Amino acid sequence: MRRIAAFLMSVTVASAAFVAPAFAEWPERPVKLIVPFAAGSSSDTIARIVAAKASEKLGQQIVVENRVGASTIIGTDAVAKAAPDGYTLGLANTTTHAASAALNTSLPFDPVKDFIPVAMIGSSPFVLISAPQMPAKTLAEFVALAKAKPGALSYASAGTGTLAHLAGELFKRQAQVDITHVPYRGTAQSMIDLMQGRIELSVSTIPPTLQQIHEGKLRALAVMGEHRNGMLPEIPTVAEAGVPGCEAGLWTAIVVPAGTPDAIVKRLNGIMAAVAAASDVQQAMKIQGVDPEPGSPETVAERIKADVVKWKDVVKTAKIAGAQQ
């Protein structure tokens, strides 16, 4: 955290040296970045890393505003309903735009039509974790054990309706196993129960579990990404481990309200591409378990559309009702 704090401070000082242009051109004043997650969360940290570096390149301060509530819906809706003038940006990810649509039939916004994607920032896969005392040492062995004991094994997520829960159900479907979902509030207690043998598997993001994995207190069976993750380069992907088709994780992007001028979107896309390419940003992102993944607005739009379909299908087949994310 000290390295991230030092990074944010250095960029803030650098951005203060910029002087706004004398002519009336966007941006003439600070830009707001609405983050529908609590201050101090991983998504909030990612937003602040991006905002700090983008402020330097934009020549105006990008101010992070946390709008939490209703499982990210309040903050995301605030972005959708903001004036499309380039002065309101939104942090979007798999939860805000895909899982929300999959889990809620009456959203106050359309995740596709009410936003213009600006740029992809990066992605972070989930990881499937077990305890060292488990007889299954690989994902293939875990699947075999689960098939031999239908309904006897369990897996943890950060709560019913969270993306980790949906990822766990996707794994169950693709692996064709019957394991019981145990929802927790966050990851801390689930890691304790996993290490003590009360549960057999957990679906988690990488950073909260990394130290225990390196210390041998937890065993990473596979990362749920299309490629190996830089924080756990020795751990195979789910496809490499024998369960293809259950890739899952959080992508993070910047969006603006529908109707924002193309010229502003294009300029922001160029700035975000430069932000994602900066070595200090990449290092800060790595600490958060995020692989920088710059992309065009079209790339983000296609990802949102595809993920809405993907997670709606998972919610339907797993019969997840009344879920909240």
C-alpha atoms as a PDB file:
ATOM      1  CA  MET A   1       0.000   0.000   0.000  1.00  0.00           C
ATOM      2  CA  ARG A   2       2.906   2.375   0.694  1.00  0.00           C
ATOM      3  CA  ARG A   3       4.089   1.977  -2.907  1.00  0.00           C
ATOM      4  CA  ILE A   4       0.627   2.802  -4.241  1.00  0.00           C
ATOM      5  CA  ALA A   5       0.344   5.821  -1.928  1.00  0.00           C
ATOM      6  CA  ALA A   6       3.740   7.069  -3.100  1.00  0.00           C
ATOM      7  CA  PHE A   7       2.674   6.605  -6.730  1.00  0.00           C
ATOM      8  CA  LEU A   8      -0.541   8.571  -6.237  1.00  0.00           C
ATOM      9  CA  MET A   9       1.303  11.388  -4.449  1.00  0.00           C
ATOM     10  CA  SER A  10       3.972  11.689  -7.156  1.00  0.00           C
ATOM     11  CA  VAL A  11       1.399  11.881  -9.945  1.00  0.00           C
ATOM     12  CA  THR A  12      -0.719  14.422  -8.057  1.00  0.00           C
ATOM     13  CA  VAL A  13       2.291  16.707  -7.700  1.00  0.00           C
ATOM     14  CA  ALA A  14       3.110  16.329 -11.395  1.00  0.00           C
ATOM     15  CA  SER A  15      -0.458  17.068 -12.500  1.00  0.00           C
ATOM     16  CA  ALA A  16      -0.526  20.266 -10.441  1.00  0.00           C
ATOM     17  CA  ALA A  17       2.100  21.725 -12.760  1.00  0.00           C
ATOM     18  CA  PHE A  18      -0.358  21.830 -15.655  1.00  0.00           C
ATOM     19  CA  VAL A  19      -2.095  25.104 -16.484  1.00  0.00           C
ATOM     20  CA  ALA A  20      -5.547  25.076 -18.115  1.00  0.00           C
ATOM     21  CA  PRO A  21      -5.585  26.422 -21.657  1.00  0.00           C
ATOM     22  CA  ALA A  22      -6.789  29.974 -22.144  1.00  0.00           C
ATOM     23  CA  PHE A  23      -9.294  29.019 -24.836  1.00  0.00           C
ATOM     24  CA  ALA A  24     -12.660  27.451 -24.142  1.00  0.00           C
ATOM     25  CA  GLU A  25     -11.911  23.793 -24.792  1.00  0.00           C
ATOM     26  CA  TRP A  26     -12.806  20.623 -22.952  1.00  0.00           C
ATOM     27  CA  PRO A  27     -11.905  20.175 -20.188  1.00  0.00           C
ATOM     28  CA  GLU A  28     -12.220  23.619 -18.641  1.00  0.00           C
ATOM     29  CA  ARG A  29     -12.733  22.307 -15.120  1.00  0.00           C
ATOM     30  CA  PRO A  30     -12.114  19.138 -13.076  1.00  0.00           C
ATOM     31  CA  VAL A  31     -13.675  15.909 -14.321  1.00  0.00           C
ATOM     32  CA  LYS A  32     -15.574  13.567 -12.015  1.00  0.00           C
ATOM     33  CA  LEU A  33     -15.014   9.792 -11.981  1.00  0.00           C
ATOM     34  CA  ILE A  34     -17.906   8.019 -10.264  1.00  0.00           C
ATOM     35  CA  VAL A  35     -16.904   4.753  -8.595  1.00  0.00           C
ATOM     36  CA  PRO A  36     -19.832   2.577  -7.416  1.00  0.00           C
ATOM     37  CA  PHE A  37     -17.624   0.839  -4.850  1.00  0.00           C
ATOM     38  CA  ALA A  38     -16.556   1.774  -1.333  1.00  0.00           C
ATOM     39  CA  ALA A  39     -13.434   3.809  -0.687  1.00  0.00           C
ATOM     40  CA  GLY A  40     -10.519   1.499   0.008  1.00  0.00           C
ATOM     41  CA  SER A  41     -11.873  -1.385  -2.062  1.00  0.00           C
ATOM     42  CA  SER A  42      -9.778  -2.892  -4.829  1.00  0.00           C
ATOM     43  CA  SER A  43     -11.965  -1.252  -7.492  1.00  0.00           C
ATOM     44  CA  ASP A  44     -11.596   2.103  -5.743  1.00  0.00           C
ATOM     45  CA  THR A  45      -7.815   1.716  -5.641  1.00  0.00           C
ATOM     46  CA  ILE A  46      -7.736   0.912  -9.363  1.00  0.00           C
ATOM     47  CA  ALA A  47      -9.890   3.979 -10.069  1.00  0.00           C
ATOM     48  CA  ARG A  48      -7.549   6.233  -8.095  1.00  0.00           C
ATOM     49  CA  ILE A  49      -4.475   4.870  -9.867  1.00  0.00           C
ATOM     50  CA  VAL A  50      -6.106   5.591 -13.228  1.00  0.00           C
ATOM     51  CA  ALA A  51      -7.464   8.990 -12.174  1.00  0.00           C
ATOM     52  CA  ALA A  52      -4.102  10.177 -10.876  1.00  0.00           C
ATOM     53  CA  LYS A  53      -2.206   9.315 -14.055  1.00  0.00           C
ATOM     54  CA  ALA A  54      -4.995  10.455 -16.379  1.00  0.00           C
ATOM     55  CA  SER A  55      -5.135  13.815 -14.570  1.00  0.00           C
ATOM     56  CA  GLU A  56      -1.488  14.336 -15.441  1.00  0.00           C
ATOM     57  CA  LYS A  57      -2.114  13.640 -19.114  1.00  0.00           C
ATOM     58  CA  LEU A  58      -5.431  15.504 -19.355  1.00  0.00           C
ATOM     59  CA  GLY A  59      -4.228  18.692 -17.718  1.00  0.00           C
ATOM     60  CA  GLN A  60      -7.216  18.760 -15.376  1.00  0.00           C
ATOM     61  CA  GLN A  61      -7.853  16.963 -12.135  1.00  0.00           C
ATOM     62  CA  ILE A  62      -9.989  13.827 -12.324  1.00  0.00           C
ATOM     63  CA  VAL A  63     -11.749  13.600  -8.973  1.00  0.00           C
ATOM     64  CA  VAL A  64     -12.907  10.199  -7.709  1.00  0.00           C
ATOM     65  CA  GLU A  65     -16.390  10.208  -6.196  1.00  0.00           C
ATOM     66  CA  ASN A  66     -17.569   7.037  -4.450  1.00  0.00           C
ATOM     67  CA  ARG A  67     -21.308   6.431  -4.934  1.00  0.00           C
ATOM     68  CA  VAL A  68     -22.156   3.192  -3.182  1.00  0.00           C
ATOM     69  CA  GLY A  69     -25.464   1.480  -2.577  1.00  0.00           C
ATOM     70  CA  ALA A  70     -27.898  -1.064  -4.031  1.00  0.00           C
ATOM     71  CA  SER A  71     -25.050  -3.357  -5.030  1.00  0.00           C
ATOM     72  CA  THR A  72     -23.343  -0.829  -7.382  1.00  0.00           C
ATOM     73  CA  ILE A  73     -26.633   0.170  -9.039  1.00  0.00           C
ATOM     74  CA  ILE A  74     -26.861   3.653  -7.485  1.00  0.00           C
ATOM     75  CA  GLY A  75     -23.424   4.750  -8.638  1.00  0.00           C
ATOM     76  CA  THR A  76     -23.756   3.224 -12.085  1.00  0.00           C
ATOM     77  CA  ASP A  77     -27.171   4.831 -12.561  1.00  0.00           C
ATOM     78  CA  ALA A  78     -25.686   8.207 -11.593  1.00  0.00           C
ATOM     79  CA  VAL A  79     -23.249   7.871 -14.491  1.00  0.00           C
ATOM     80  CA  ALA A  80     -26.017   6.892 -16.910  1.00  0.00           C
ATOM     81  CA  LYS A  81     -28.108   9.925 -15.951  1.00  0.00           C
ATOM     82  CA  ALA A  82     -25.276  12.480 -15.844  1.00  0.00           C
ATOM     83  CA  ALA A  83     -24.974  15.223 -18.454  1.00  0.00           C
ATOM     84  CA  PRO A  84     -23.110  13.847 -21.507  1.00  0.00           C
ATOM     85  CA  ASP A  85     -20.613  16.691 -21.524  1.00  0.00           C
ATOM     86  CA  GLY A  86     -17.382  14.884 -20.723  1.00  0.00           C
ATOM     87  CA  TYR A  87     -17.302  15.978 -17.093  1.00  0.00           C
ATOM     88  CA  THR A  88     -18.624  12.697 -15.683  1.00  0.00           C
ATOM     89  CA  LEU A  89     -16.834   9.397 -16.167  1.00  0.00           C
ATOM     90  CA  GLY A  90     -17.739   6.070 -14.631  1.00  0.00           C
ATOM     91  CA  LEU A  91     -15.769   3.066 -13.474  1.00  0.00           C
ATOM     92  CA  ALA A  92     -17.401   0.007 -14.993  1.00  0.00           C
ATOM     93  CA  ASN A  93     -16.579  -3.641 -14.514  1.00  0.00           C
ATOM     94  CA  THR A  94     -18.074  -7.085 -14.915  1.00  0.00           C
ATOM     95  CA  THR A  95     -20.230  -6.591 -11.829  1.00  0.00           C
ATOM     96  CA  THR A  96     -21.663  -3.166 -12.665  1.00  0.00           C
ATOM     97  CA  HIS A  97     -22.561  -3.908 -16.274  1.00  0.00           C
ATOM     98  CA  ALA A  98     -22.838  -7.671 -16.758  1.00  0.00           C
ATOM     99  CA  ALA A  99     -23.628  -9.357 -13.446  1.00  0.00           C
ATOM    100  CA  SER A 100     -26.096  -6.600 -12.527  1.00  0.00           C
ATOM    101  CA  ALA A 101     -27.995  -7.160 -15.759  1.00  0.00           C
ATOM    102  CA  ALA A 102     -27.924 -10.918 -15.235  1.00  0.00           C
ATOM    103  CA  LEU A 103     -29.250 -10.710 -11.694  1.00  0.00           C
ATOM    104  CA  ASN A 104     -31.751  -7.873 -11.979  1.00  0.00           C
ATOM    105  CA  THR A 105     -34.708  -7.719 -14.351  1.00  0.00           C
ATOM    106  CA  SER A 106     -35.582  -4.091 -13.594  1.00  0.00           C
ATOM    107  CA  LEU A 107     -32.396  -2.045 -13.659  1.00  0.00           C
ATOM    108  CA  PRO A 108     -32.909   1.744 -13.879  1.00  0.00           C
ATOM    109  CA  PHE A 109     -30.412   1.805 -16.746  1.00  0.00           C
ATOM    110  CA  ASP A 110     -29.511  -0.232 -19.807  1.00  0.00           C
ATOM    111  CA  PRO A 111     -25.893  -1.426 -19.469  1.00  0.00           C
ATOM    112  CA  VAL A 112     -25.413  -1.265 -23.243  1.00  0.00           C
ATOM    113  CA  LYS A 113     -27.555   1.619 -24.521  1.00  0.00           C
ATOM    114  CA  ASP A 114     -27.072   4.146 -21.697  1.00  0.00           C
ATOM    115  CA  PHE A 115     -23.268   4.252 -21.811  1.00  0.00           C
ATOM    116  CA  ILE A 116     -20.463   4.837 -24.263  1.00  0.00           C
ATOM    117  CA  PRO A 117     -17.389   2.749 -23.448  1.00  0.00           C
ATOM    118  CA  VAL A 118     -14.178   4.785 -23.431  1.00  0.00           C
ATOM    119  CA  ALA A 119     -11.459   2.204 -22.877  1.00  0.00           C
ATOM    120  CA  MET A 120     -10.630  -1.088 -21.259  1.00  0.00           C
ATOM    121  CA  ILE A 121      -8.227  -0.693 -18.331  1.00  0.00           C
ATOM    122  CA  GLY A 122      -7.380  -4.251 -17.350  1.00  0.00           C
ATOM    123  CA  SER A 123      -8.620  -7.595 -16.155  1.00  0.00           C
ATOM    124  CA  SER A 124      -8.147  -9.765 -13.100  1.00  0.00           C
ATOM    125  CA  PRO A 125      -9.069 -13.463 -13.054  1.00  0.00           C
ATOM    126  CA  PHE A 126     -10.521 -15.387 -10.167  1.00  0.00           C
ATOM    127  CA  VAL A 127      -8.492 -18.215  -8.709  1.00  0.00           C
ATOM    128  CA  LEU A 128      -9.714 -21.603  -7.466  1.00  0.00           C
ATOM    129  CA  ILE A 129      -8.130 -22.348  -4.103  1.00  0.00           C
ATOM    130  CA  SER A 130      -8.069 -25.346  -1.784  1.00  0.00           C
ATOM    131  CA  ALA A 131      -6.263 -26.199   1.438  1.00  0.00           C
ATOM    132  CA  PRO A 132      -2.954 -28.132   1.465  1.00  0.00           C
ATOM    133  CA  GLN A 133      -4.510 -30.940   3.541  1.00  0.00           C
ATOM    134  CA  MET A 134      -6.992 -31.686   0.765  1.00  0.00           C
ATOM    135  CA  PRO A 135      -6.204 -35.038  -0.886  1.00  0.00           C
ATOM    136  CA  ALA A 136      -6.779 -33.451  -4.301  1.00  0.00           C
ATOM    137  CA  LYS A 137      -3.553 -31.696  -5.313  1.00  0.00           C
ATOM    138  CA  THR A 138      -4.673 -30.543  -8.771  1.00  0.00           C
ATOM    139  CA  LEU A 139      -7.908 -29.271 -10.270  1.00  0.00           C
ATOM    140  CA  ALA A 140      -8.350 -32.520 -12.179  1.00  0.00           C
ATOM    141  CA  GLU A 141      -8.028 -34.459  -8.918  1.00  0.00           C
ATOM    142  CA  PHE A 142     -10.529 -32.139  -7.227  1.00  0.00           C
ATOM    143  CA  VAL A 143     -13.035 -32.706 -10.037  1.00  0.00           C
ATOM    144  CA  ALA A 144     -12.550 -36.469  -9.752  1.00  0.00           C
ATOM    145  CA  LEU A 145     -13.078 -36.303  -5.973  1.00  0.00           C
ATOM    146  CA  ALA A 146     -16.208 -34.177  -6.374  1.00  0.00           C
ATOM    147  CA  LYS A 147     -17.646 -36.614  -8.915  1.00  0.00           C
ATOM    148  CA  ALA A 148     -16.939 -39.516  -6.560  1.00  0.00           C
ATOM    149  CA  LYS A 149     -18.766 -37.721  -3.722  1.00  0.00           C
ATOM    150  CA  PRO A 150     -21.698 -35.782  -5.241  1.00  0.00           C
ATOM    151  CA  GLY A 151     -22.913 -33.031  -2.915  1.00  0.00           C
ATOM    152  CA  ALA A 152     -20.300 -33.763  -0.251  1.00  0.00           C
ATOM    153  CA  LEU A 153     -17.839 -30.981  -1.091  1.00  0.00           C
ATOM    154  CA  SER A 154     -18.425 -27.243  -0.806  1.00  0.00           C
ATOM    155  CA  TYR A 155     -17.074 -24.025  -2.253  1.00  0.00           C
ATOM    156  CA  ALA A 156     -17.019 -20.492  -0.859  1.00  0.00           C
ATOM    157  CA  SER A 157     -17.700 -17.158  -2.487  1.00  0.00           C
ATOM    158  CA  ALA A 158     -17.868 -13.573  -1.245  1.00  0.00           C
ATOM    159  CA  GLY A 159     -21.666 -13.783  -1.083  1.00  0.00           C
ATOM    160  CA  THR A 160     -24.801 -14.870  -2.897  1.00  0.00           C
ATOM    161  CA  GLY A 161     -25.088 -13.122  -6.235  1.00  0.00           C
ATOM    162  CA  THR A 162     -21.528 -11.862  -6.276  1.00  0.00           C
ATOM    163  CA  LEU A 163     -19.491 -12.418  -9.396  1.00  0.00           C
ATOM    164  CA  ALA A 164     -17.418 -14.979  -7.466  1.00  0.00           C
ATOM    165  CA  HIS A 165     -20.630 -16.925  -6.817  1.00  0.00           C
ATOM    166  CA  LEU A 166     -21.521 -16.830 -10.503  1.00  0.00           C
ATOM    167  CA  ALA A 167     -17.983 -17.937 -11.374  1.00  0.00           C
ATOM    168  CA  GLY A 168     -18.324 -20.866  -8.980  1.00  0.00           C
ATOM    169  CA  GLU A 169     -21.571 -21.927 -10.622  1.00  0.00           C
ATOM    170  CA  LEU A 170     -19.941 -21.662 -14.035  1.00  0.00           C
ATOM    171  CA  PHE A 171     -17.131 -23.929 -12.816  1.00  0.00           C
ATOM    172  CA  LYS A 172     -19.661 -26.447 -11.480  1.00  0.00           C
ATOM    173  CA  ARG A 173     -21.434 -26.528 -14.829  1.00  0.00           C
ATOM    174  CA  GLN A 174     -18.330 -26.891 -16.952  1.00  0.00           C
ATOM    175  CA  ALA A 175     -16.724 -29.458 -14.648  1.00  0.00           C
ATOM    176  CA  GLN A 176     -20.063 -31.282 -14.275  1.00  0.00           C
ATOM    177  CA  VAL A 177     -19.741 -31.555 -10.508  1.00  0.00           C
ATOM    178  CA  ASP A 178     -22.220 -31.196  -7.649  1.00  0.00           C
ATOM    179  CA  ILE A 179     -20.626 -29.058  -4.933  1.00  0.00           C
ATOM    180  CA  THR A 180     -22.466 -26.890  -2.410  1.00  0.00           C
ATOM    181  CA  HIS A 181     -22.180 -23.106  -2.436  1.00  0.00           C
ATOM    182  CA  VAL A 182     -21.354 -21.501   0.932  1.00  0.00           C
ATOM    183  CA  PRO A 183     -21.718 -17.692   0.818  1.00  0.00           C
ATOM    184  CA  TYR A 184     -19.541 -15.474   3.014  1.00  0.00           C
ATOM    185  CA  ARG A 185     -19.364 -11.739   3.588  1.00  0.00           C
ATOM    186  CA  GLY A 186     -16.058 -11.063   1.890  1.00  0.00           C
ATOM    187  CA  THR A 187     -13.042 -13.362   1.765  1.00  0.00           C
ATOM    188  CA  ALA A 188     -11.350 -13.153   5.190  1.00  0.00           C
ATOM    189  CA  GLN A 189     -13.508 -15.683   7.058  1.00  0.00           C
ATOM    190  CA  SER A 190     -13.737 -18.021   4.084  1.00  0.00           C
ATOM    191  CA  MET A 191      -9.937 -18.215   3.939  1.00  0.00           C
ATOM    192  CA  ILE A 192      -9.830 -19.165   7.632  1.00  0.00           C
ATOM    193  CA  ASP A 193     -12.485 -21.837   7.161  1.00  0.00           C
ATOM    194  CA  LEU A 194     -10.707 -23.122   4.069  1.00  0.00           C
ATOM    195  CA  MET A 195      -7.409 -23.477   5.933  1.00  0.00           C
ATOM    196  CA  GLN A 196      -9.205 -25.223   8.807  1.00  0.00           C
ATOM    197  CA  GLY A 197     -10.939 -27.684   6.501  1.00  0.00           C
ATOM    198  CA  ARG A 198     -14.527 -26.498   6.982  1.00  0.00           C
ATOM    199  CA  ILE A 199     -14.863 -25.963   3.226  1.00  0.00           C
ATOM    200  CA  GLU A 200     -12.963 -27.555   0.363  1.00  0.00           C
ATOM    201  CA  LEU A 201     -12.716 -24.863  -2.321  1.00  0.00           C
ATOM    202  CA  SER A 202     -12.931 -21.094  -2.694  1.00  0.00           C
ATOM    203  CA  VAL A 203     -13.442 -18.770  -5.645  1.00  0.00           C
ATOM    204  CA  SER A 204     -11.498 -15.597  -4.926  1.00  0.00           C
ATOM    205  CA  THR A 205      -9.576 -12.751  -6.450  1.00  0.00           C
ATOM    206  CA  ILE A 206      -5.825 -13.188  -6.207  1.00  0.00           C
ATOM    207  CA  PRO A 207      -4.514 -10.358  -3.948  1.00  0.00           C
ATOM    208  CA  PRO A 208      -6.293 -11.359  -0.683  1.00  0.00           C
ATOM    209  CA  THR A 209      -4.969 -14.911  -0.952  1.00  0.00           C
ATOM    210  CA  LEU A 210      -1.503 -14.372  -2.398  1.00  0.00           C
ATOM    211  CA  GLN A 211       0.465 -14.363   0.852  1.00  0.00           C
ATOM    212  CA  GLN A 212      -1.178 -17.553   2.138  1.00  0.00           C
ATOM    213  CA  ILE A 213      -0.551 -19.243  -1.207  1.00  0.00           C
ATOM    214  CA  HIS A 214       3.129 -18.302  -1.143  1.00  0.00           C
ATOM    215  CA  GLU A 215       3.404 -19.450   2.487  1.00  0.00           C
ATOM    216  CA  GLY A 216       1.861 -22.814   1.621  1.00  0.00           C
ATOM    217  CA  LYS A 217      -1.215 -22.260   3.780  1.00  0.00           C
ATOM    218  CA  LEU A 218      -3.462 -22.371   0.715  1.00  0.00           C
ATOM    219  CA  ARG A 219      -3.105 -24.150  -2.615  1.00  0.00           C
ATOM    220  CA  ALA A 220      -4.020 -22.462  -5.893  1.00  0.00           C
ATOM    221  CA  LEU A 221      -5.442 -25.096  -8.242  1.00  0.00           C
ATOM    222  CA  ALA A 222      -6.053 -22.896 -11.290  1.00  0.00           C
ATOM    223  CA  VAL A 223      -6.591 -19.310 -12.366  1.00  0.00           C
ATOM    224  CA  MET A 224      -9.871 -18.644 -14.154  1.00  0.00           C
ATOM    225  CA  GLY A 225      -8.290 -16.588 -16.924  1.00  0.00           C
ATOM    226  CA  GLU A 226      -7.511 -17.180 -20.564  1.00  0.00           C
ATOM    227  CA  HIS A 227      -3.817 -16.893 -19.797  1.00  0.00           C
ATOM    228  CA  ARG A 228      -1.645 -17.299 -16.721  1.00  0.00           C
ATOM    229  CA  ASN A 229      -1.485 -14.429 -14.262  1.00  0.00           C
ATOM    230  CA  GLY A 230       1.727 -12.558 -13.517  1.00  0.00           C
ATOM    231  CA  MET A 231       1.205 -12.860  -9.761  1.00  0.00           C
ATOM    232  CA  LEU A 232       0.914 -16.661  -9.977  1.00  0.00           C
ATOM    233  CA  PRO A 233       2.820 -17.563 -13.147  1.00  0.00           C
ATOM    234  CA  GLU A 234       3.324 -21.167 -12.052  1.00  0.00           C
ATOM    235  CA  ILE A 235      -0.412 -21.841 -11.664  1.00  0.00           C
ATOM    236  CA  PRO A 236      -2.219 -23.242 -14.742  1.00  0.00           C
ATOM    237  CA  THR A 237      -5.345 -21.766 -16.257  1.00  0.00           C
ATOM    238  CA  VAL A 238      -8.595 -23.684 -15.913  1.00  0.00           C
ATOM    239  CA  ALA A 239      -8.276 -24.772 -19.546  1.00  0.00           C
ATOM    240  CA  GLU A 240      -4.751 -26.046 -18.952  1.00  0.00           C
ATOM    241  CA  ALA A 241      -6.002 -27.816 -15.824  1.00  0.00           C
ATOM    242  CA  GLY A 242      -8.692 -29.664 -17.767  1.00  0.00           C
ATOM    243  CA  VAL A 243     -11.830 -27.536 -17.313  1.00  0.00           C
ATOM    244  CA  PRO A 244     -12.111 -25.207 -20.319  1.00  0.00           C
ATOM    245  CA  GLY A 245     -14.998 -22.800 -20.707  1.00  0.00           C
ATOM    246  CA  CYS A 246     -15.151 -21.558 -17.118  1.00  0.00           C
ATOM    247  CA  GLU A 247     -12.977 -18.478 -17.515  1.00  0.00           C
ATOM    248  CA  ALA A 248     -14.159 -15.753 -15.149  1.00  0.00           C
ATOM    249  CA  GLY A 249     -12.855 -12.577 -13.621  1.00  0.00           C
ATOM    250  CA  LEU A 250     -13.235  -8.841 -13.394  1.00  0.00           C
ATOM    251  CA  TRP A 251     -12.520  -6.616 -16.346  1.00  0.00           C
ATOM    252  CA  THR A 252     -12.385  -2.902 -15.563  1.00  0.00           C
ATOM    253  CA  ALA A 253     -13.229  -0.113 -17.999  1.00  0.00           C
ATOM    254  CA  ILE A 254     -14.028   3.580 -18.167  1.00  0.00           C
ATOM    255  CA  VAL A 255     -17.426   4.636 -19.532  1.00  0.00           C
ATOM    256  CA  VAL A 256     -19.294   7.902 -20.104  1.00  0.00           C
ATOM    257  CA  PRO A 257     -23.016   8.674 -20.457  1.00  0.00           C
ATOM    258  CA  ALA A 258     -24.594   8.008 -23.846  1.00  0.00           C
ATOM    259  CA  GLY A 259     -24.537  11.132 -25.977  1.00  0.00           C
ATOM    260  CA  THR A 260     -21.048  12.246 -24.981  1.00  0.00           C
ATOM    261  CA  PRO A 261     -19.370  13.824 -28.054  1.00  0.00           C
ATOM    262  CA  ASP A 262     -17.175  11.519 -30.135  1.00  0.00           C
ATOM    263  CA  ALA A 263     -14.235  13.924 -29.937  1.00  0.00           C
ATOM    264  CA  ILE A 264     -14.204  13.681 -26.148  1.00  0.00           C
ATOM    265  CA  VAL A 265     -14.519   9.892 -26.223  1.00  0.00           C
ATOM    266  CA  LYS A 266     -11.607   9.631 -28.667  1.00  0.00           C
ATOM    267  CA  ARG A 267      -9.404  11.914 -26.595  1.00  0.00           C
ATOM    268  CA  LEU A 268     -10.199  10.005 -23.417  1.00  0.00           C
ATOM    269  CA  ASN A 269      -9.470   6.710 -25.165  1.00  0.00           C
ATOM    270  CA  GLY A 270      -6.024   7.957 -26.170  1.00  0.00           C
ATOM    271  CA  ILE A 271      -5.341   9.146 -22.639  1.00  0.00           C
ATOM    272  CA  MET A 272      -6.455   5.851 -21.092  1.00  0.00           C
ATOM    273  CA  ALA A 273      -4.292   3.897 -23.537  1.00  0.00           C
ATOM    274  CA  ALA A 274      -1.296   5.968 -22.446  1.00  0.00           C
ATOM    275  CA  VAL A 275      -2.229   5.442 -18.794  1.00  0.00           C
ATOM    276  CA  ALA A 276      -2.402   1.664 -19.217  1.00  0.00           C
ATOM    277  CA  ALA A 277       0.972   1.660 -20.995  1.00  0.00           C
ATOM    278  CA  ALA A 278       2.777   3.625 -18.251  1.00  0.00           C
ATOM    279  CA  SER A 279       5.252   1.450 -16.338  1.00  0.00           C
ATOM    280  CA  ASP A 280       4.381   2.924 -12.935  1.00  0.00           C
ATOM    281  CA  VAL A 281       0.683   2.279 -13.552  1.00  0.00           C
ATOM    282  CA  GLN A 282       1.401  -1.291 -14.623  1.00  0.00           C
ATOM    283  CA  GLN A 283       3.379  -1.886 -11.438  1.00  0.00           C
ATOM    284  CA  ALA A 284       0.607  -0.418  -9.283  1.00  0.00           C
ATOM    285  CA  MET A 285      -1.981  -2.501 -11.141  1.00  0.00           C
ATOM    286  CA  LYS A 286       0.060  -5.650 -10.642  1.00  0.00           C
ATOM    287  CA  ILE A 287      -0.180  -5.180  -6.881  1.00  0.00           C
ATOM    288  CA  GLN A 288      -3.966  -5.254  -7.331  1.00  0.00           C
ATOM    289  CA  GLY A 289      -3.767  -8.432  -9.415  1.00  0.00           C
ATOM    290  CA  VAL A 290      -4.762  -6.599 -12.595  1.00  0.00           C
ATOM    291  CA  ASP A 291      -3.228  -7.228 -15.999  1.00  0.00           C
ATOM    292  CA  PRO A 292      -3.310  -3.943 -17.978  1.00  0.00           C
ATOM    293  CA  GLU A 293      -5.444  -4.505 -21.059  1.00  0.00           C
ATOM    294  CA  PRO A 294      -5.926  -1.341 -23.098  1.00  0.00           C
ATOM    295  CA  GLY A 295      -8.678  -1.579 -25.676  1.00  0.00           C
ATOM    296  CA  SER A 296     -10.914   0.424 -27.965  1.00  0.00           C
ATOM    297  CA  PRO A 297     -14.457   1.545 -27.137  1.00  0.00           C
ATOM    298  CA  GLU A 298     -15.691  -1.122 -29.545  1.00  0.00           C
ATOM    299  CA  THR A 299     -13.785  -3.803 -27.626  1.00  0.00           C
ATOM    300  CA  VAL A 300     -15.418  -2.791 -24.357  1.00  0.00           C
ATOM    301  CA  ALA A 301     -18.879  -2.650 -25.948  1.00  0.00           C
ATOM    302  CA  GLU A 302     -18.525  -6.169 -27.315  1.00  0.00           C
ATOM    303  CA  ARG A 303     -17.244  -7.445 -23.957  1.00  0.00           C
ATOM    304  CA  ILE A 304     -20.236  -5.970 -22.131  1.00  0.00           C
ATOM    305  CA  LYS A 305     -22.715  -7.478 -24.594  1.00  0.00           C
ATOM    306  CA  ALA A 306     -21.062 -10.898 -24.481  1.00  0.00           C
ATOM    307  CA  ASP A 307     -20.815 -10.955 -20.692  1.00  0.00           C
ATOM    308  CA  VAL A 308     -24.450  -9.969 -20.197  1.00  0.00           C
ATOM    309  CA  VAL A 309     -25.441 -13.007 -22.270  1.00  0.00           C
ATOM    310  CA  LYS A 310     -22.876 -15.248 -20.542  1.00  0.00           C
ATOM    311  CA  TRP A 311     -23.852 -14.418 -16.971  1.00  0.00           C
ATOM    312  CA  LYS A 312     -27.589 -14.378 -17.666  1.00  0.00           C
ATOM    313  CA  ASP A 313     -27.198 -17.947 -18.875  1.00  0.00           C
ATOM    314  CA  VAL A 314     -25.289 -18.920 -15.716  1.00  0.00           C
ATOM    315  CA  VAL A 315     -27.895 -17.298 -13.454  1.00  0.00           C
ATOM    316  CA  LYS A 316     -30.680 -19.099 -15.322  1.00  0.00           C
ATOM    317  CA  THR A 317     -29.096 -22.552 -15.310  1.00  0.00           C
ATOM    318  CA  ALA A 318     -27.972 -22.248 -11.675  1.00  0.00           C
ATOM    319  CA  LYS A 319     -31.426 -20.920 -10.701  1.00  0.00           C
ATOM    320  CA  ILE A 320     -30.032 -18.030  -8.674  1.00  0.00           C
ATOM    321  CA  ALA A 321     -33.094 -16.103  -7.499  1.00  0.00           C
ATOM    322  CA  GLY A 322     -33.308 -12.861  -5.533  1.00  0.00           C
ATOM    323  CA  ALA A 323     -29.550 -12.440  -5.710  1.00  0.00           C
ATOM    324  CA  GLN A 324     -27.733  -9.204  -5.088  1.00  0.00           C
ATOM    325  CA  GLN A 325     -24.260  -8.254  -6.110  1.00  0.00           C
END
